[in-house]
Amino acid sequence: MEPDVPGHSLSMEATETEIKTEQAREETPLEAFASICSVLVIGLFALTFIFQNFEIPSSSMEKTLLVGDHVLVDRTTLAPPTAWAPFVYYRNVRRGDIIVFFKPGEPDLYLVKRVIGIPGDRVHLRNGVVYLNGQPQHEPQAAMPDYGNYFPYRDDFPAVPPSQSGDVTPTWAAELPNYIQGEDLVVPPGRYFAMGDNRTVSLDGRYWGFVPRANIVGRPLFVYWSFIQPDNQYEKEGIGDKISFYLHVIIHFFDQTRWRRTLHPVS
């Protein structure tokens, strides 16, 4: 028979007690609060510097983006490169990019349009067709004017003077002649010419000018939720109107959500 080893049983019991105590220990309120703060900080960082959500309020980008589409916007790819984050992928703005930006002259208003011309490009429209550097562009996503829906300034830009349109901003009306060479609008350095895909209703670069590079926030990646709503919903600023619409969304969430557009890529 093996002799008893003093303290051996006591040591095993102590070890088991420590394990059980560790397993039973609950997270303290301070640790729980710290965990929540960590999640919030990471989430706020991502939503502030990496991604941002936007709602499409008007039909200026139909049929690419519909009224009521909620999109996730990439804020890093088109951002100016920084030395502290060399691992992040950056690139220049390209023709055809859909961009989110601050409207020139209205720094609190976000717009979503498609880049038509980059610095150095020559742009003009004839009967609603875009000519880029002398070549007509095939744009299946763009709405063209039809018979009886022709508007000279909008459809033959910039050949028709802005005085024939009441929607042109005074600043752009004064600056526009400085950028016209022959029949073309020439895009200056550091600026971009952008238009909505729904050309017949879009109040875009034809009416307020170029988009400065510094105004560009990012580019939409995909639609994460789409809900049917009126074209003029964004104009209703009253508290009663907003409460009524929120209740409408709650009641009709399932039957008026455009489920097929969920995760629909934006291009």
C-alpha atoms as a PDB file:
ATOM      1  CA  MET A   1       0.000   0.000   0.000  1.00  0.00           C
ATOM      2  CA  GLU A   2       1.336   3.384  -0.950  1.00  0.00           C
ATOM      3  CA  PRO A   3       1.786   5.806   1.940  1.00  0.00           C
ATOM      4  CA  ASP A   4      -0.370   8.851   2.099  1.00  0.00           C
ATOM      5  CA  VAL A   5       1.324  12.030   0.935  1.00  0.00           C
ATOM      6  CA  PRO A   6       0.504  14.791   3.367  1.00  0.00           C
ATOM      7  CA  GLY A   7      -1.169  17.752   1.661  1.00  0.00           C
ATOM      8  CA  HIS A   8      -1.742  15.946  -1.679  1.00  0.00           C
ATOM      9  CA  SER A   9      -5.548  15.665  -1.362  1.00  0.00           C
ATOM     10  CA  LEU A  10      -5.797  19.202  -0.023  1.00  0.00           C
ATOM     11  CA  SER A  11      -3.864  20.557  -3.039  1.00  0.00           C
ATOM     12  CA  MET A  12      -6.177  18.828  -5.534  1.00  0.00           C
ATOM     13  CA  GLU A  13      -9.246  20.106  -3.701  1.00  0.00           C
ATOM     14  CA  ALA A  14      -7.843  23.656  -3.744  1.00  0.00           C
ATOM     15  CA  THR A  15      -7.190  23.478  -7.484  1.00  0.00           C
ATOM     16  CA  GLU A  16     -10.711  22.284  -8.199  1.00  0.00           C
ATOM     17  CA  THR A  17     -12.105  25.033  -5.985  1.00  0.00           C
ATOM     18  CA  GLU A  18     -10.127  27.686  -7.905  1.00  0.00           C
ATOM     19  CA  ILE A  19     -11.441  26.394 -11.259  1.00  0.00           C
ATOM     20  CA  LYS A  20     -15.029  26.367 -10.036  1.00  0.00           C
ATOM     21  CA  THR A  21     -14.627  29.845  -8.586  1.00  0.00           C
ATOM     22  CA  GLU A  22     -13.218  31.164 -11.892  1.00  0.00           C
ATOM     23  CA  GLN A  23     -16.066  29.625 -13.884  1.00  0.00           C
ATOM     24  CA  ALA A  24     -18.687  31.000 -11.531  1.00  0.00           C
ATOM     25  CA  ARG A  25     -17.269  34.545 -11.480  1.00  0.00           C
ATOM     26  CA  GLU A  26     -19.660  36.963 -13.180  1.00  0.00           C
ATOM     27  CA  GLU A  27     -18.715  40.068 -15.152  1.00  0.00           C
ATOM     28  CA  THR A  28     -18.757  43.144 -12.973  1.00  0.00           C
ATOM     29  CA  PRO A  29     -20.890  46.168 -13.968  1.00  0.00           C
ATOM     30  CA  LEU A  30     -17.710  48.125 -14.671  1.00  0.00           C
ATOM     31  CA  GLU A  31     -16.412  45.410 -17.016  1.00  0.00           C
ATOM     32  CA  ALA A  32     -19.780  45.209 -18.771  1.00  0.00           C
ATOM     33  CA  PHE A  33     -19.809  48.986 -19.228  1.00  0.00           C
ATOM     34  CA  ALA A  34     -16.257  48.885 -20.616  1.00  0.00           C
ATOM     35  CA  SER A  35     -17.264  46.185 -23.109  1.00  0.00           C
ATOM     36  CA  ILE A  36     -20.260  48.212 -24.297  1.00  0.00           C
ATOM     37  CA  CYS A  37     -18.083  51.315 -24.664  1.00  0.00           C
ATOM     38  CA  SER A  38     -15.569  49.378 -26.725  1.00  0.00           C
ATOM     39  CA  VAL A  39     -18.280  48.194 -29.113  1.00  0.00           C
ATOM     40  CA  LEU A  40     -19.701  51.720 -29.390  1.00  0.00           C
ATOM     41  CA  VAL A  41     -16.290  53.244 -30.075  1.00  0.00           C
ATOM     42  CA  ILE A  42     -15.540  50.706 -32.809  1.00  0.00           C
ATOM     43  CA  GLY A  43     -19.003  51.193 -34.308  1.00  0.00           C
ATOM     44  CA  LEU A  44     -18.778  54.991 -34.246  1.00  0.00           C
ATOM     45  CA  PHE A  45     -15.314  54.866 -35.792  1.00  0.00           C
ATOM     46  CA  ALA A  46     -16.562  52.646 -38.609  1.00  0.00           C
ATOM     47  CA  LEU A  47     -19.640  54.798 -39.268  1.00  0.00           C
ATOM     48  CA  THR A  48     -17.656  58.043 -39.106  1.00  0.00           C
ATOM     49  CA  PHE A  49     -14.473  57.221 -40.989  1.00  0.00           C
ATOM     50  CA  ILE A  50     -15.114  54.014 -42.954  1.00  0.00           C
ATOM     51  CA  PHE A  51     -18.819  53.664 -43.754  1.00  0.00           C
ATOM     52  CA  GLN A  52     -21.908  55.828 -43.584  1.00  0.00           C
ATOM     53  CA  ASN A  53     -25.562  55.207 -44.350  1.00  0.00           C
ATOM     54  CA  PHE A  54     -27.665  57.476 -46.566  1.00  0.00           C
ATOM     55  CA  GLU A  55     -31.268  57.537 -47.713  1.00  0.00           C
ATOM     56  CA  ILE A  56     -32.159  58.432 -51.304  1.00  0.00           C
ATOM     57  CA  PRO A  57     -34.863  61.134 -51.057  1.00  0.00           C
ATOM     58  CA  SER A  58     -35.510  62.022 -54.718  1.00  0.00           C
ATOM     59  CA  SER A  59     -35.833  60.416 -58.142  1.00  0.00           C
ATOM     60  CA  SER A  60     -32.807  62.134 -59.722  1.00  0.00           C
ATOM     61  CA  MET A  61     -30.859  58.833 -59.893  1.00  0.00           C
ATOM     62  CA  GLU A  62     -33.627  56.494 -61.039  1.00  0.00           C
ATOM     63  CA  LYS A  63     -33.474  53.759 -62.119  1.00  0.00           C
ATOM     64  CA  THR A  64     -30.044  53.201 -60.571  1.00  0.00           C
ATOM     65  CA  LEU A  65     -31.222  54.363 -57.150  1.00  0.00           C
ATOM     66  CA  LEU A  66     -34.870  54.572 -56.135  1.00  0.00           C
ATOM     67  CA  VAL A  67     -36.616  56.898 -53.718  1.00  0.00           C
ATOM     68  CA  GLY A  68     -36.512  55.115 -50.362  1.00  0.00           C
ATOM     69  CA  ASP A  69     -33.290  53.207 -51.015  1.00  0.00           C
ATOM     70  CA  HIS A  70     -30.979  53.158 -47.990  1.00  0.00           C
ATOM     71  CA  VAL A  71     -27.363  52.743 -49.064  1.00  0.00           C
ATOM     72  CA  LEU A  72     -24.082  52.009 -47.329  1.00  0.00           C
ATOM     73  CA  VAL A  73     -21.383  54.457 -48.448  1.00  0.00           C
ATOM     74  CA  ASP A  74     -17.662  53.708 -48.570  1.00  0.00           C
ATOM     75  CA  ARG A  75     -15.874  56.757 -47.130  1.00  0.00           C
ATOM     76  CA  THR A  76     -12.279  55.538 -47.552  1.00  0.00           C
ATOM     77  CA  THR A  77     -11.641  54.534 -51.183  1.00  0.00           C
ATOM     78  CA  LEU A  78     -12.093  58.042 -52.634  1.00  0.00           C
ATOM     79  CA  ALA A  79     -10.678  59.836 -49.602  1.00  0.00           C
ATOM     80  CA  PRO A  80      -7.341  61.692 -49.862  1.00  0.00           C
ATOM     81  CA  PRO A  81      -4.460  59.275 -49.001  1.00  0.00           C
ATOM     82  CA  THR A  82      -3.025  59.583 -45.496  1.00  0.00           C
ATOM     83  CA  ALA A  83       0.417  58.601 -44.220  1.00  0.00           C
ATOM     84  CA  TRP A  84      -0.960  57.071 -41.003  1.00  0.00           C
ATOM     85  CA  ALA A  85      -3.007  54.437 -42.892  1.00  0.00           C
ATOM     86  CA  PRO A  86      -0.869  53.176 -45.798  1.00  0.00           C
ATOM     87  CA  PHE A  87      -2.692  49.826 -45.749  1.00  0.00           C
ATOM     88  CA  VAL A  88      -5.990  51.437 -46.880  1.00  0.00           C
ATOM     89  CA  TYR A  89      -6.855  51.227 -50.577  1.00  0.00           C
ATOM     90  CA  TYR A  90      -7.243  54.646 -52.198  1.00  0.00           C
ATOM     91  CA  ARG A  91      -7.915  55.608 -55.803  1.00  0.00           C
ATOM     92  CA  ASN A  92      -8.814  58.651 -57.884  1.00  0.00           C
ATOM     93  CA  VAL A  93     -12.362  59.485 -58.875  1.00  0.00           C
ATOM     94  CA  ARG A  94     -13.227  57.889 -62.221  1.00  0.00           C
ATOM     95  CA  ARG A  95     -15.738  58.642 -64.943  1.00  0.00           C
ATOM     96  CA  GLY A  96     -18.909  56.731 -64.205  1.00  0.00           C
ATOM     97  CA  ASP A  97     -18.418  56.652 -60.433  1.00  0.00           C
ATOM     98  CA  ILE A  98     -21.517  57.338 -58.375  1.00  0.00           C
ATOM     99  CA  ILE A  99     -20.480  59.730 -55.631  1.00  0.00           C
ATOM    100  CA  VAL A 100     -21.935  61.226 -52.467  1.00  0.00           C
ATOM    101  CA  PHE A 101     -20.842  64.827 -51.936  1.00  0.00           C
ATOM    102  CA  PHE A 102     -21.710  68.158 -50.384  1.00  0.00           C
ATOM    103  CA  LYS A 103     -23.550  70.389 -52.826  1.00  0.00           C
ATOM    104  CA  PRO A 104     -21.354  73.339 -53.870  1.00  0.00           C
ATOM    105  CA  GLY A 105     -22.486  76.409 -51.978  1.00  0.00           C
ATOM    106  CA  GLU A 106     -24.596  74.366 -49.532  1.00  0.00           C
ATOM    107  CA  PRO A 107     -22.161  72.521 -47.232  1.00  0.00           C
ATOM    108  CA  ASP A 108     -24.957  70.882 -45.205  1.00  0.00           C
ATOM    109  CA  LEU A 109     -26.713  69.254 -48.172  1.00  0.00           C
ATOM    110  CA  TYR A 110     -25.643  65.820 -49.426  1.00  0.00           C
ATOM    111  CA  LEU A 111     -26.237  64.875 -53.062  1.00  0.00           C
ATOM    112  CA  VAL A 112     -25.768  61.633 -55.006  1.00  0.00           C
ATOM    113  CA  LYS A 113     -24.834  61.875 -58.709  1.00  0.00           C
ATOM    114  CA  ARG A 114     -22.754  60.131 -61.361  1.00  0.00           C
ATOM    115  CA  VAL A 115     -19.380  61.523 -62.453  1.00  0.00           C
ATOM    116  CA  ILE A 116     -19.543  62.413 -66.153  1.00  0.00           C
ATOM    117  CA  GLY A 117     -16.342  64.419 -66.585  1.00  0.00           C
ATOM    118  CA  ILE A 118     -13.010  64.458 -64.741  1.00  0.00           C
ATOM    119  CA  PRO A 119     -10.405  67.268 -64.887  1.00  0.00           C
ATOM    120  CA  GLY A 120      -9.487  68.092 -68.479  1.00  0.00           C
ATOM    121  CA  ASP A 121     -12.558  66.452 -70.036  1.00  0.00           C
ATOM    122  CA  ARG A 122     -14.698  68.295 -72.572  1.00  0.00           C
ATOM    123  CA  VAL A 123     -18.430  67.736 -72.146  1.00  0.00           C
ATOM    124  CA  HIS A 124     -21.580  68.826 -73.947  1.00  0.00           C
ATOM    125  CA  LEU A 125     -25.111  67.519 -74.476  1.00  0.00           C
ATOM    126  CA  ARG A 126     -27.102  67.390 -77.711  1.00  0.00           C
ATOM    127  CA  ASN A 127     -30.759  66.375 -77.490  1.00  0.00           C
ATOM    128  CA  GLY A 128     -29.978  64.875 -74.086  1.00  0.00           C
ATOM    129  CA  VAL A 129     -27.071  62.731 -75.322  1.00  0.00           C
ATOM    130  CA  VAL A 130     -23.740  63.288 -73.540  1.00  0.00           C
ATOM    131  CA  TYR A 131     -20.707  63.887 -75.738  1.00  0.00           C
ATOM    132  CA  LEU A 132     -17.445  63.276 -73.878  1.00  0.00           C
ATOM    133  CA  ASN A 133     -14.278  64.520 -75.583  1.00  0.00           C
ATOM    134  CA  GLY A 134     -16.160  64.593 -78.872  1.00  0.00           C
ATOM    135  CA  GLN A 135     -17.636  61.079 -78.600  1.00  0.00           C
ATOM    136  CA  PRO A 136     -21.335  60.326 -77.932  1.00  0.00           C
ATOM    137  CA  GLN A 137     -21.777  58.185 -74.837  1.00  0.00           C
ATOM    138  CA  HIS A 138     -23.914  55.064 -74.635  1.00  0.00           C
ATOM    139  CA  GLU A 139     -25.641  55.329 -71.252  1.00  0.00           C
ATOM    140  CA  PRO A 140     -28.378  52.715 -70.879  1.00  0.00           C
ATOM    141  CA  GLN A 141     -28.998  53.839 -67.298  1.00  0.00           C
ATOM    142  CA  ALA A 142     -29.742  57.455 -68.294  1.00  0.00           C
ATOM    143  CA  ALA A 143     -33.276  58.726 -68.968  1.00  0.00           C
ATOM    144  CA  MET A 144     -33.436  60.584 -72.288  1.00  0.00           C
ATOM    145  CA  PRO A 145     -35.930  63.326 -73.228  1.00  0.00           C
ATOM    146  CA  ASP A 146     -38.742  62.112 -75.457  1.00  0.00           C
ATOM    147  CA  TYR A 147     -41.058  63.857 -77.881  1.00  0.00           C
ATOM    148  CA  GLY A 148     -42.773  66.775 -76.162  1.00  0.00           C
ATOM    149  CA  ASN A 149     -40.340  66.710 -73.235  1.00  0.00           C
ATOM    150  CA  TYR A 150     -37.518  68.746 -74.753  1.00  0.00           C
ATOM    151  CA  PHE A 151     -36.012  71.577 -72.674  1.00  0.00           C
ATOM    152  CA  PRO A 152     -33.283  73.592 -74.471  1.00  0.00           C
ATOM    153  CA  TYR A 153     -30.965  74.460 -71.582  1.00  0.00           C
ATOM    154  CA  ARG A 154     -31.175  70.998 -70.015  1.00  0.00           C
ATOM    155  CA  ASP A 155     -30.862  68.965 -73.213  1.00  0.00           C
ATOM    156  CA  ASP A 156     -28.439  71.114 -75.260  1.00  0.00           C
ATOM    157  CA  PHE A 157     -26.041  72.107 -72.506  1.00  0.00           C
ATOM    158  CA  PRO A 158     -23.996  74.382 -72.556  1.00  0.00           C
ATOM    159  CA  ALA A 159     -24.970  75.769 -75.974  1.00  0.00           C
ATOM    160  CA  VAL A 160     -28.099  77.402 -74.562  1.00  0.00           C
ATOM    161  CA  PRO A 161     -27.453  80.304 -72.147  1.00  0.00           C
ATOM    162  CA  PRO A 162     -28.479  79.783 -68.494  1.00  0.00           C
ATOM    163  CA  SER A 163     -30.796  82.776 -68.701  1.00  0.00           C
ATOM    164  CA  GLN A 164     -33.314  80.410 -70.316  1.00  0.00           C
ATOM    165  CA  SER A 165     -33.572  78.315 -67.152  1.00  0.00           C
ATOM    166  CA  GLY A 166     -34.914  79.560 -63.858  1.00  0.00           C
ATOM    167  CA  ASP A 167     -33.223  76.777 -61.858  1.00  0.00           C
ATOM    168  CA  VAL A 168     -29.599  77.814 -62.484  1.00  0.00           C
ATOM    169  CA  THR A 169     -27.868  79.317 -59.460  1.00  0.00           C
ATOM    170  CA  PRO A 170     -26.674  82.918 -59.893  1.00  0.00           C
ATOM    171  CA  THR A 171     -23.084  81.897 -59.091  1.00  0.00           C
ATOM    172  CA  TRP A 172     -23.010  79.229 -61.801  1.00  0.00           C
ATOM    173  CA  ALA A 173     -24.719  81.503 -64.327  1.00  0.00           C
ATOM    174  CA  ALA A 174     -21.875  83.988 -63.848  1.00  0.00           C
ATOM    175  CA  GLU A 175     -19.061  81.390 -63.883  1.00  0.00           C
ATOM    176  CA  LEU A 176     -20.275  79.125 -66.686  1.00  0.00           C
ATOM    177  CA  PRO A 177     -18.961  81.216 -69.662  1.00  0.00           C
ATOM    178  CA  ASN A 178     -15.426  80.986 -68.239  1.00  0.00           C
ATOM    179  CA  TYR A 179     -15.369  77.205 -68.803  1.00  0.00           C
ATOM    180  CA  ILE A 180     -16.817  77.039 -72.303  1.00  0.00           C
ATOM    181  CA  GLN A 181     -14.498  76.384 -75.240  1.00  0.00           C
ATOM    182  CA  GLY A 182     -16.275  76.046 -78.561  1.00  0.00           C
ATOM    183  CA  GLU A 183     -19.308  73.889 -77.884  1.00  0.00           C
ATOM    184  CA  ASP A 184     -17.804  72.145 -74.842  1.00  0.00           C
ATOM    185  CA  LEU A 185     -17.722  72.638 -71.115  1.00  0.00           C
ATOM    186  CA  VAL A 186     -14.101  72.049 -70.011  1.00  0.00           C
ATOM    187  CA  VAL A 187     -13.692  70.537 -66.538  1.00  0.00           C
ATOM    188  CA  PRO A 188     -10.997  72.443 -64.576  1.00  0.00           C
ATOM    189  CA  PRO A 189      -8.325  70.879 -62.313  1.00  0.00           C
ATOM    190  CA  GLY A 190      -9.574  69.621 -58.972  1.00  0.00           C
ATOM    191  CA  ARG A 191     -13.222  69.619 -60.098  1.00  0.00           C
ATOM    192  CA  TYR A 192     -15.693  67.064 -61.450  1.00  0.00           C
ATOM    193  CA  PHE A 193     -18.819  67.367 -63.563  1.00  0.00           C
ATOM    194  CA  ALA A 194     -21.653  65.215 -62.214  1.00  0.00           C
ATOM    195  CA  MET A 195     -25.196  64.508 -63.367  1.00  0.00           C
ATOM    196  CA  GLY A 196     -28.132  62.422 -62.228  1.00  0.00           C
ATOM    197  CA  ASP A 197     -29.084  59.328 -64.206  1.00  0.00           C
ATOM    198  CA  ASN A 198     -32.662  60.566 -64.442  1.00  0.00           C
ATOM    199  CA  ARG A 199     -31.537  63.442 -66.686  1.00  0.00           C
ATOM    200  CA  THR A 200     -34.947  64.958 -67.331  1.00  0.00           C
ATOM    201  CA  VAL A 201     -35.623  65.752 -63.645  1.00  0.00           C
ATOM    202  CA  SER A 202     -32.140  65.956 -62.119  1.00  0.00           C
ATOM    203  CA  LEU A 203     -30.942  69.334 -60.856  1.00  0.00           C
ATOM    204  CA  ASP A 204     -27.249  68.545 -61.248  1.00  0.00           C
ATOM    205  CA  GLY A 205     -24.003  70.105 -62.472  1.00  0.00           C
ATOM    206  CA  ARG A 206     -25.832  71.800 -65.307  1.00  0.00           C
ATOM    207  CA  TYR A 207     -27.551  73.984 -62.721  1.00  0.00           C
ATOM    208  CA  TRP A 208     -24.944  74.571 -60.002  1.00  0.00           C
ATOM    209  CA  GLY A 209     -21.555  73.752 -61.533  1.00  0.00           C
ATOM    210  CA  PHE A 210     -18.609  71.524 -60.720  1.00  0.00           C
ATOM    211  CA  VAL A 211     -18.033  69.328 -57.663  1.00  0.00           C
ATOM    212  CA  PRO A 212     -14.780  70.253 -55.863  1.00  0.00           C
ATOM    213  CA  ARG A 213     -12.632  67.247 -54.949  1.00  0.00           C
ATOM    214  CA  ALA A 214     -12.806  68.227 -51.278  1.00  0.00           C
ATOM    215  CA  ASN A 215     -16.620  67.973 -51.319  1.00  0.00           C
ATOM    216  CA  ILE A 216     -16.671  64.270 -52.223  1.00  0.00           C
ATOM    217  CA  VAL A 217     -17.579  62.106 -49.226  1.00  0.00           C
ATOM    218  CA  GLY A 218     -17.559  58.632 -50.763  1.00  0.00           C
ATOM    219  CA  ARG A 219     -19.329  56.187 -53.048  1.00  0.00           C
ATOM    220  CA  PRO A 220     -22.397  53.999 -52.414  1.00  0.00           C
ATOM    221  CA  LEU A 221     -21.636  50.281 -52.213  1.00  0.00           C
ATOM    222  CA  PHE A 222     -25.011  48.587 -51.950  1.00  0.00           C
ATOM    223  CA  VAL A 223     -28.630  49.029 -50.903  1.00  0.00           C
ATOM    224  CA  TYR A 224     -29.155  47.519 -47.467  1.00  0.00           C
ATOM    225  CA  TRP A 225     -32.864  48.403 -47.230  1.00  0.00           C
ATOM    226  CA  SER A 226     -35.421  49.872 -49.627  1.00  0.00           C
ATOM    227  CA  PHE A 227     -38.894  51.084 -48.686  1.00  0.00           C
ATOM    228  CA  ILE A 228     -41.579  52.483 -50.985  1.00  0.00           C
ATOM    229  CA  GLN A 229     -42.266  56.127 -50.211  1.00  0.00           C
ATOM    230  CA  PRO A 230     -43.535  59.263 -51.994  1.00  0.00           C
ATOM    231  CA  ASP A 231     -41.117  61.389 -54.029  1.00  0.00           C
ATOM    232  CA  ASN A 232     -41.871  64.437 -51.894  1.00  0.00           C
ATOM    233  CA  GLN A 233     -41.508  62.787 -48.486  1.00  0.00           C
ATOM    234  CA  TYR A 234     -38.203  64.583 -47.827  1.00  0.00           C
ATOM    235  CA  GLU A 235     -39.997  67.939 -48.172  1.00  0.00           C
ATOM    236  CA  LYS A 236     -42.277  67.206 -45.214  1.00  0.00           C
ATOM    237  CA  GLU A 237     -40.422  68.673 -42.250  1.00  0.00           C
ATOM    238  CA  GLY A 238     -43.259  68.925 -39.737  1.00  0.00           C
ATOM    239  CA  ILE A 239     -43.163  66.785 -36.595  1.00  0.00           C
ATOM    240  CA  GLY A 240     -46.653  65.469 -37.324  1.00  0.00           C
ATOM    241  CA  ASP A 241     -45.606  64.450 -40.844  1.00  0.00           C
ATOM    242  CA  LYS A 242     -42.543  62.619 -39.539  1.00  0.00           C
ATOM    243  CA  ILE A 243     -44.455  60.766 -36.829  1.00  0.00           C
ATOM    244  CA  SER A 244     -47.111  59.793 -39.367  1.00  0.00           C
ATOM    245  CA  PHE A 245     -44.474  58.437 -41.741  1.00  0.00           C
ATOM    246  CA  TYR A 246     -42.689  56.486 -38.982  1.00  0.00           C
ATOM    247  CA  LEU A 247     -45.988  54.837 -38.056  1.00  0.00           C
ATOM    248  CA  HIS A 248     -46.562  54.097 -41.737  1.00  0.00           C
ATOM    249  CA  VAL A 249     -43.171  52.373 -41.928  1.00  0.00           C
ATOM    250  CA  ILE A 250     -43.915  50.268 -38.847  1.00  0.00           C
ATOM    251  CA  ILE A 251     -47.313  49.192 -40.166  1.00  0.00           C
ATOM    252  CA  HIS A 252     -46.171  48.506 -43.737  1.00  0.00           C
ATOM    253  CA  PHE A 253     -42.594  47.352 -43.112  1.00  0.00           C
ATOM    254  CA  PHE A 254     -43.149  43.902 -44.578  1.00  0.00           C
ATOM    255  CA  ASP A 255     -45.497  44.641 -47.468  1.00  0.00           C
ATOM    256  CA  GLN A 256     -43.791  47.863 -48.718  1.00  0.00           C
ATOM    257  CA  THR A 257     -40.156  46.897 -48.292  1.00  0.00           C
ATOM    258  CA  ARG A 258     -38.548  46.185 -51.663  1.00  0.00           C
ATOM    259  CA  TRP A 259     -37.011  42.893 -50.563  1.00  0.00           C
ATOM    260  CA  ARG A 260     -35.427  42.205 -53.954  1.00  0.00           C
ATOM    261  CA  ARG A 261     -33.252  45.304 -53.577  1.00  0.00           C
ATOM    262  CA  THR A 262     -31.708  44.134 -50.311  1.00  0.00           C
ATOM    263  CA  LEU A 263     -27.908  43.965 -50.796  1.00  0.00           C
ATOM    264  CA  HIS A 264     -28.369  45.254 -54.351  1.00  0.00           C
ATOM    265  CA  PRO A 265     -24.950  46.597 -55.537  1.00  0.00           C
ATOM    266  CA  VAL A 266     -24.829  50.205 -56.741  1.00  0.00           C
ATOM    267  CA  SER A 267     -23.089  50.778 -60.065  1.00  0.00           C
END
